[in-house]
N, C-alpha and C. Protein backbone atom coordinates (compact mmCIF):
# COMPACT_ATOMS: atom_id res chain seq x y z
N MET A 1 51.62 -50.55 -54.17
CA MET A 1 52.45 -51.01 -53.07
C MET A 1 53.93 -50.81 -53.39
N PHE A 2 54.34 -51.23 -54.60
CA PHE A 2 55.75 -51.08 -54.99
C PHE A 2 56.17 -49.62 -54.96
N GLY A 3 55.29 -48.72 -55.40
CA GLY A 3 55.61 -47.29 -55.41
C GLY A 3 55.91 -46.76 -54.01
N LYS A 4 55.10 -47.16 -53.02
CA LYS A 4 55.32 -46.71 -51.65
C LYS A 4 56.64 -47.25 -51.10
N VAL A 5 56.91 -48.53 -51.33
CA VAL A 5 58.15 -49.14 -50.84
C VAL A 5 59.35 -48.47 -51.48
N PHE A 6 59.27 -48.22 -52.80
CA PHE A 6 60.37 -47.57 -53.50
C PHE A 6 60.60 -46.16 -52.95
N MET A 7 59.53 -45.40 -52.73
CA MET A 7 59.65 -44.03 -52.22
C MET A 7 60.27 -44.04 -50.82
N ILE A 8 59.85 -44.95 -49.95
CA ILE A 8 60.42 -45.05 -48.61
C ILE A 8 61.90 -45.39 -48.68
N ALA A 9 62.28 -46.29 -49.58
CA ALA A 9 63.69 -46.65 -49.74
C ALA A 9 64.51 -45.46 -50.22
N VAL A 10 63.99 -44.69 -51.16
CA VAL A 10 64.70 -43.51 -51.66
C VAL A 10 64.85 -42.48 -50.55
N LEU A 11 63.79 -42.20 -49.80
CA LEU A 11 63.87 -41.24 -48.70
C LEU A 11 64.87 -41.69 -47.63
N ALA A 12 64.90 -42.97 -47.32
CA ALA A 12 65.86 -43.47 -46.33
C ALA A 12 67.28 -43.32 -46.84
N MET A 13 67.49 -43.56 -48.13
CA MET A 13 68.82 -43.41 -48.70
C MET A 13 69.27 -41.95 -48.67
N ILE A 14 68.40 -41.03 -49.02
CA ILE A 14 68.73 -39.60 -49.00
C ILE A 14 69.05 -39.16 -47.58
N ALA A 15 68.28 -39.61 -46.62
CA ALA A 15 68.51 -39.21 -45.23
C ALA A 15 69.84 -39.72 -44.69
N SER A 16 70.38 -40.80 -45.28
CA SER A 16 71.63 -41.35 -44.78
C SER A 16 72.86 -40.60 -45.28
N PHE A 17 72.71 -39.75 -46.31
CA PHE A 17 73.85 -38.98 -46.81
C PHE A 17 74.15 -37.84 -45.86
N PRO A 18 75.46 -37.52 -45.66
CA PRO A 18 75.78 -36.36 -44.82
C PRO A 18 75.27 -35.08 -45.47
N ALA A 19 74.98 -34.10 -44.64
CA ALA A 19 74.49 -32.81 -45.15
C ALA A 19 75.54 -32.15 -46.02
N LEU A 20 75.10 -31.47 -47.04
CA LEU A 20 76.02 -30.75 -47.91
C LEU A 20 76.55 -29.53 -47.18
N ALA A 21 77.78 -29.16 -47.50
CA ALA A 21 78.40 -28.00 -46.87
C ALA A 21 77.67 -26.73 -47.30
N GLN A 22 77.55 -25.79 -46.37
CA GLN A 22 76.96 -24.49 -46.66
C GLN A 22 78.10 -23.49 -46.78
N LYS A 23 77.95 -22.52 -47.67
CA LYS A 23 79.00 -21.54 -47.89
C LYS A 23 78.46 -20.13 -47.71
N ALA A 24 79.34 -19.26 -47.20
CA ALA A 24 79.07 -17.82 -47.12
C ALA A 24 80.32 -17.14 -47.64
N GLU A 25 80.23 -16.54 -48.81
CA GLU A 25 81.42 -15.98 -49.45
C GLU A 25 81.47 -14.47 -49.31
N GLY A 26 82.69 -13.95 -49.14
CA GLY A 26 82.91 -12.51 -49.13
C GLY A 26 82.34 -11.78 -47.93
N VAL A 27 82.32 -12.44 -46.75
CA VAL A 27 81.86 -11.77 -45.53
C VAL A 27 82.95 -10.77 -45.15
N ASP A 28 82.65 -9.47 -45.20
CA ASP A 28 83.68 -8.45 -45.04
C ASP A 28 84.00 -8.18 -43.57
N THR A 29 85.30 -8.01 -43.28
CA THR A 29 85.76 -7.69 -41.93
C THR A 29 86.85 -6.63 -42.01
N LYS A 30 87.00 -5.87 -40.92
CA LYS A 30 88.08 -4.89 -40.84
C LYS A 30 89.42 -5.58 -40.61
N ALA A 31 89.45 -6.62 -39.79
CA ALA A 31 90.70 -7.26 -39.39
C ALA A 31 91.32 -8.13 -40.48
N PHE A 32 90.52 -8.90 -41.21
CA PHE A 32 91.04 -9.89 -42.14
C PHE A 32 90.67 -9.62 -43.59
N GLY A 33 89.87 -8.62 -43.87
CA GLY A 33 89.33 -8.43 -45.22
C GLY A 33 88.20 -9.43 -45.43
N PRO A 34 87.79 -9.65 -46.68
CA PRO A 34 86.70 -10.60 -46.94
C PRO A 34 87.08 -12.03 -46.55
N ILE A 35 86.14 -12.72 -45.91
CA ILE A 35 86.34 -14.12 -45.51
C ILE A 35 85.30 -14.97 -46.22
N ASP A 36 85.74 -16.09 -46.79
CA ASP A 36 84.84 -17.08 -47.37
C ASP A 36 84.71 -18.22 -46.36
N PHE A 37 83.50 -18.43 -45.84
CA PHE A 37 83.25 -19.47 -44.85
C PHE A 37 82.64 -20.70 -45.51
N GLU A 38 82.93 -21.86 -44.94
CA GLU A 38 82.27 -23.11 -45.31
C GLU A 38 81.89 -23.83 -44.02
N VAL A 39 80.64 -24.25 -43.94
CA VAL A 39 80.12 -24.91 -42.74
C VAL A 39 79.73 -26.33 -43.13
N ASN A 40 80.25 -27.29 -42.39
CA ASN A 40 79.92 -28.69 -42.62
C ASN A 40 79.62 -29.30 -41.25
N GLY A 41 78.34 -29.39 -40.92
CA GLY A 41 77.96 -29.83 -39.58
C GLY A 41 78.36 -28.75 -38.58
N LYS A 42 79.13 -29.12 -37.58
CA LYS A 42 79.60 -28.15 -36.58
C LYS A 42 80.99 -27.61 -36.93
N ARG A 43 81.59 -28.13 -37.98
CA ARG A 43 82.92 -27.70 -38.40
C ARG A 43 82.80 -26.47 -39.30
N VAL A 44 83.56 -25.42 -38.98
CA VAL A 44 83.55 -24.18 -39.75
C VAL A 44 84.97 -23.89 -40.20
N THR A 45 85.16 -23.72 -41.50
CA THR A 45 86.46 -23.33 -42.04
C THR A 45 86.28 -22.05 -42.83
N GLY A 46 87.38 -21.36 -43.04
CA GLY A 46 87.31 -20.13 -43.80
C GLY A 46 88.66 -19.78 -44.38
N THR A 47 88.63 -18.96 -45.42
CA THR A 47 89.86 -18.44 -46.01
C THR A 47 89.70 -16.94 -46.18
N TYR A 48 90.82 -16.23 -46.03
CA TYR A 48 90.82 -14.79 -46.27
C TYR A 48 92.05 -14.46 -47.10
N PRO A 49 91.83 -14.19 -48.40
CA PRO A 49 92.92 -13.98 -49.35
C PRO A 49 93.84 -12.81 -49.01
N LYS A 50 93.33 -11.78 -48.33
CA LYS A 50 94.13 -10.59 -48.06
C LYS A 50 95.47 -10.94 -47.39
N TYR A 51 95.47 -11.92 -46.50
CA TYR A 51 96.70 -12.35 -45.80
C TYR A 51 97.03 -13.82 -46.07
N GLN A 52 96.42 -14.41 -47.08
CA GLN A 52 96.59 -15.83 -47.40
C GLN A 52 96.29 -16.70 -46.17
N GLY A 53 95.24 -16.33 -45.44
CA GLY A 53 94.95 -16.99 -44.17
C GLY A 53 93.83 -18.00 -44.21
N ARG A 54 93.78 -18.77 -43.12
CA ARG A 54 92.76 -19.81 -42.96
C ARG A 54 92.18 -19.75 -41.55
N LEU A 55 90.92 -20.10 -41.44
CA LEU A 55 90.25 -20.24 -40.15
C LEU A 55 89.81 -21.69 -40.01
N GLN A 56 89.94 -22.25 -38.82
CA GLN A 56 89.44 -23.59 -38.53
C GLN A 56 88.75 -23.53 -37.18
N GLY A 57 87.46 -23.83 -37.16
CA GLY A 57 86.73 -23.72 -35.91
C GLY A 57 85.62 -24.73 -35.78
N THR A 58 84.96 -24.65 -34.63
CA THR A 58 83.85 -25.54 -34.30
C THR A 58 82.73 -24.73 -33.69
N GLU A 59 81.50 -25.03 -34.09
CA GLU A 59 80.34 -24.39 -33.46
C GLU A 59 80.15 -25.08 -32.11
N VAL A 60 80.44 -24.35 -31.03
CA VAL A 60 80.40 -24.92 -29.68
C VAL A 60 79.05 -24.71 -29.00
N ALA A 61 78.25 -23.81 -29.51
CA ALA A 61 76.89 -23.54 -29.05
C ALA A 61 76.17 -22.92 -30.25
N PRO A 62 74.84 -22.88 -30.25
CA PRO A 62 74.14 -22.29 -31.40
C PRO A 62 74.64 -20.88 -31.71
N GLY A 63 75.22 -20.71 -32.90
CA GLY A 63 75.70 -19.41 -33.34
C GLY A 63 77.04 -18.97 -32.79
N VAL A 64 77.71 -19.83 -32.00
CA VAL A 64 79.02 -19.48 -31.42
C VAL A 64 80.09 -20.42 -31.99
N VAL A 65 81.08 -19.82 -32.66
CA VAL A 65 82.16 -20.59 -33.28
C VAL A 65 83.48 -20.16 -32.64
N THR A 66 84.26 -21.14 -32.20
CA THR A 66 85.60 -20.86 -31.67
C THR A 66 86.61 -21.67 -32.46
N GLY A 67 87.83 -21.13 -32.55
CA GLY A 67 88.85 -21.85 -33.27
C GLY A 67 90.13 -21.05 -33.40
N TYR A 68 90.89 -21.39 -34.43
CA TYR A 68 92.19 -20.79 -34.67
C TYR A 68 92.29 -20.26 -36.09
N TRP A 69 93.05 -19.18 -36.25
CA TRP A 69 93.39 -18.66 -37.57
C TRP A 69 94.88 -18.89 -37.77
N SER A 70 95.30 -18.95 -39.03
CA SER A 70 96.73 -19.05 -39.34
C SER A 70 96.96 -18.42 -40.70
N GLN A 71 98.19 -17.91 -40.87
CA GLN A 71 98.58 -17.29 -42.14
C GLN A 71 100.11 -17.36 -42.22
N PRO A 72 100.69 -17.11 -43.39
CA PRO A 72 102.14 -17.27 -43.55
C PRO A 72 102.98 -16.38 -42.63
N LYS A 73 102.56 -15.14 -42.38
CA LYS A 73 103.32 -14.25 -41.50
C LYS A 73 102.38 -13.24 -40.85
N SER A 74 102.86 -12.63 -39.76
CA SER A 74 102.06 -11.62 -39.07
C SER A 74 103.00 -10.64 -38.38
N GLY A 75 102.44 -9.56 -37.88
CA GLY A 75 103.22 -8.55 -37.17
C GLY A 75 103.67 -9.00 -35.79
N GLN A 76 103.12 -10.10 -35.31
CA GLN A 76 103.47 -10.61 -33.99
C GLN A 76 103.59 -12.13 -34.04
N PRO A 77 104.75 -12.64 -34.48
CA PRO A 77 104.91 -14.09 -34.58
C PRO A 77 104.83 -14.76 -33.20
N CYS A 78 104.30 -15.95 -33.17
CA CYS A 78 104.17 -16.71 -31.93
C CYS A 78 105.47 -17.46 -31.63
N PRO A 79 105.73 -17.80 -30.37
CA PRO A 79 106.95 -18.53 -30.03
C PRO A 79 106.92 -19.99 -30.47
N THR A 80 105.72 -20.52 -30.75
CA THR A 80 105.59 -21.90 -31.20
C THR A 80 104.81 -21.94 -32.51
N GLN A 81 105.01 -23.01 -33.27
CA GLN A 81 104.28 -23.18 -34.52
C GLN A 81 102.92 -23.82 -34.27
N TRP A 82 101.98 -23.46 -35.11
CA TRP A 82 100.68 -24.13 -35.17
C TRP A 82 100.30 -24.19 -36.64
N ASN A 83 99.89 -25.34 -37.11
CA ASN A 83 99.47 -25.51 -38.50
C ASN A 83 100.59 -25.11 -39.47
N GLY A 84 101.84 -25.33 -39.06
CA GLY A 84 102.98 -25.08 -39.93
C GLY A 84 103.45 -23.64 -40.01
N THR A 85 103.00 -22.76 -39.10
CA THR A 85 103.39 -21.35 -39.16
C THR A 85 103.50 -20.77 -37.75
N TYR A 86 104.28 -19.70 -37.64
CA TYR A 86 104.38 -18.97 -36.37
C TYR A 86 103.35 -17.83 -36.32
N ALA A 87 102.60 -17.65 -37.38
CA ALA A 87 101.58 -16.59 -37.46
C ALA A 87 100.20 -17.23 -37.28
N TRP A 88 99.72 -17.23 -36.05
CA TRP A 88 98.44 -17.86 -35.75
C TRP A 88 97.84 -17.25 -34.49
N GLY A 89 96.59 -17.59 -34.24
CA GLY A 89 95.92 -17.11 -33.04
C GLY A 89 94.54 -17.71 -32.91
N ARG A 90 93.82 -17.25 -31.91
CA ARG A 90 92.48 -17.75 -31.62
C ARG A 90 91.42 -16.77 -32.13
N PHE A 91 90.20 -17.28 -32.31
CA PHE A 91 89.07 -16.41 -32.64
C PHE A 91 87.80 -16.96 -32.01
N VAL A 92 86.86 -16.07 -31.78
CA VAL A 92 85.52 -16.41 -31.30
C VAL A 92 84.55 -15.59 -32.12
N ILE A 93 83.56 -16.24 -32.73
CA ILE A 93 82.52 -15.53 -33.48
C ILE A 93 81.18 -15.82 -32.81
N THR A 94 80.42 -14.77 -32.54
CA THR A 94 79.08 -14.94 -31.99
C THR A 94 78.05 -14.52 -33.03
N LYS A 95 76.87 -15.04 -32.91
CA LYS A 95 75.79 -14.81 -33.88
C LYS A 95 76.26 -15.19 -35.28
N PHE A 96 76.97 -16.32 -35.38
CA PHE A 96 77.51 -16.76 -36.66
C PHE A 96 76.39 -16.96 -37.68
N ASN A 97 76.65 -16.52 -38.90
CA ASN A 97 75.71 -16.61 -40.02
C ASN A 97 74.45 -15.79 -39.81
N GLN A 98 74.55 -14.73 -39.02
CA GLN A 98 73.43 -13.81 -38.83
C GLN A 98 73.88 -12.42 -39.26
N ALA A 99 72.95 -11.55 -39.52
CA ALA A 99 73.28 -10.19 -39.98
C ALA A 99 74.08 -9.41 -38.95
N THR A 100 73.95 -9.75 -37.68
CA THR A 100 74.64 -9.02 -36.62
C THR A 100 75.86 -9.80 -36.10
N MET A 101 76.52 -10.54 -36.98
CA MET A 101 77.68 -11.34 -36.59
C MET A 101 78.74 -10.46 -35.93
N ALA A 102 79.36 -10.97 -34.87
CA ALA A 102 80.41 -10.25 -34.16
C ALA A 102 81.51 -11.24 -33.81
N GLY A 103 82.71 -10.73 -33.54
CA GLY A 103 83.78 -11.64 -33.17
C GLY A 103 85.02 -10.94 -32.68
N GLN A 104 85.87 -11.73 -32.03
CA GLN A 104 87.14 -11.26 -31.52
C GLN A 104 88.23 -12.23 -31.96
N TRP A 105 89.49 -11.72 -31.96
CA TRP A 105 90.63 -12.56 -32.32
C TRP A 105 91.82 -12.18 -31.44
N SER A 106 92.85 -13.02 -31.46
CA SER A 106 94.07 -12.75 -30.70
C SER A 106 95.26 -13.32 -31.45
N TYR A 107 96.43 -12.90 -31.02
CA TYR A 107 97.67 -13.54 -31.48
C TYR A 107 97.97 -14.72 -30.57
N CYS A 108 98.51 -15.74 -31.15
CA CYS A 108 98.97 -16.93 -30.42
C CYS A 108 97.82 -17.51 -29.60
N ASN A 109 98.10 -17.94 -28.39
CA ASN A 109 97.07 -18.61 -27.61
C ASN A 109 96.43 -17.69 -26.56
N ALA A 110 96.58 -16.39 -26.74
CA ALA A 110 95.98 -15.42 -25.82
C ALA A 110 94.46 -15.42 -25.97
N GLU A 111 93.77 -14.89 -24.97
CA GLU A 111 92.32 -14.75 -25.05
C GLU A 111 91.96 -13.82 -26.21
N ALA A 112 90.97 -14.19 -26.99
CA ALA A 112 90.54 -13.39 -28.15
C ALA A 112 89.79 -12.14 -27.67
N THR A 113 90.42 -10.96 -27.81
CA THR A 113 89.81 -9.71 -27.35
C THR A 113 89.81 -8.61 -28.41
N ARG A 114 90.51 -8.81 -29.52
CA ARG A 114 90.57 -7.78 -30.58
C ARG A 114 89.36 -7.94 -31.49
N ASP A 115 88.75 -6.84 -31.88
CA ASP A 115 87.53 -6.87 -32.69
C ASP A 115 87.82 -7.32 -34.13
N ILE A 116 87.07 -8.31 -34.60
CA ILE A 116 87.18 -8.72 -36.00
C ILE A 116 86.57 -7.65 -36.90
N GLY A 117 85.53 -7.00 -36.45
CA GLY A 117 84.92 -5.91 -37.21
C GLY A 117 84.12 -6.37 -38.42
N PHE A 118 83.15 -7.27 -38.18
CA PHE A 118 82.27 -7.69 -39.28
C PHE A 118 81.48 -6.48 -39.76
N ARG A 119 81.35 -6.34 -41.10
CA ARG A 119 80.59 -5.21 -41.66
C ARG A 119 79.49 -5.72 -42.57
């Protein structure tokens, strides 16, 4: 009896912990170079060393992530700051974490239409 009660208590305790973050490192792209992603629930973050950049997004539907990118500088600075920089924009990734991942990005708050170029 004690063994069953103990096992149920342990399983309940494990189930109460938040899920561990999942990582996908070195996902190659034409636009940003390799991106290291981290997924924690519906929150998706990423870094891309080529431009010292960061991605911050949310999974809004199964396999669809939307959010913003930022980096210290870009070829098209925005008129307003976001995340402490004038170099930022939007992104949309579809089929996230699948072999056929695709996505678009933009400068500033424009609609994301430029190809990220996942490879």
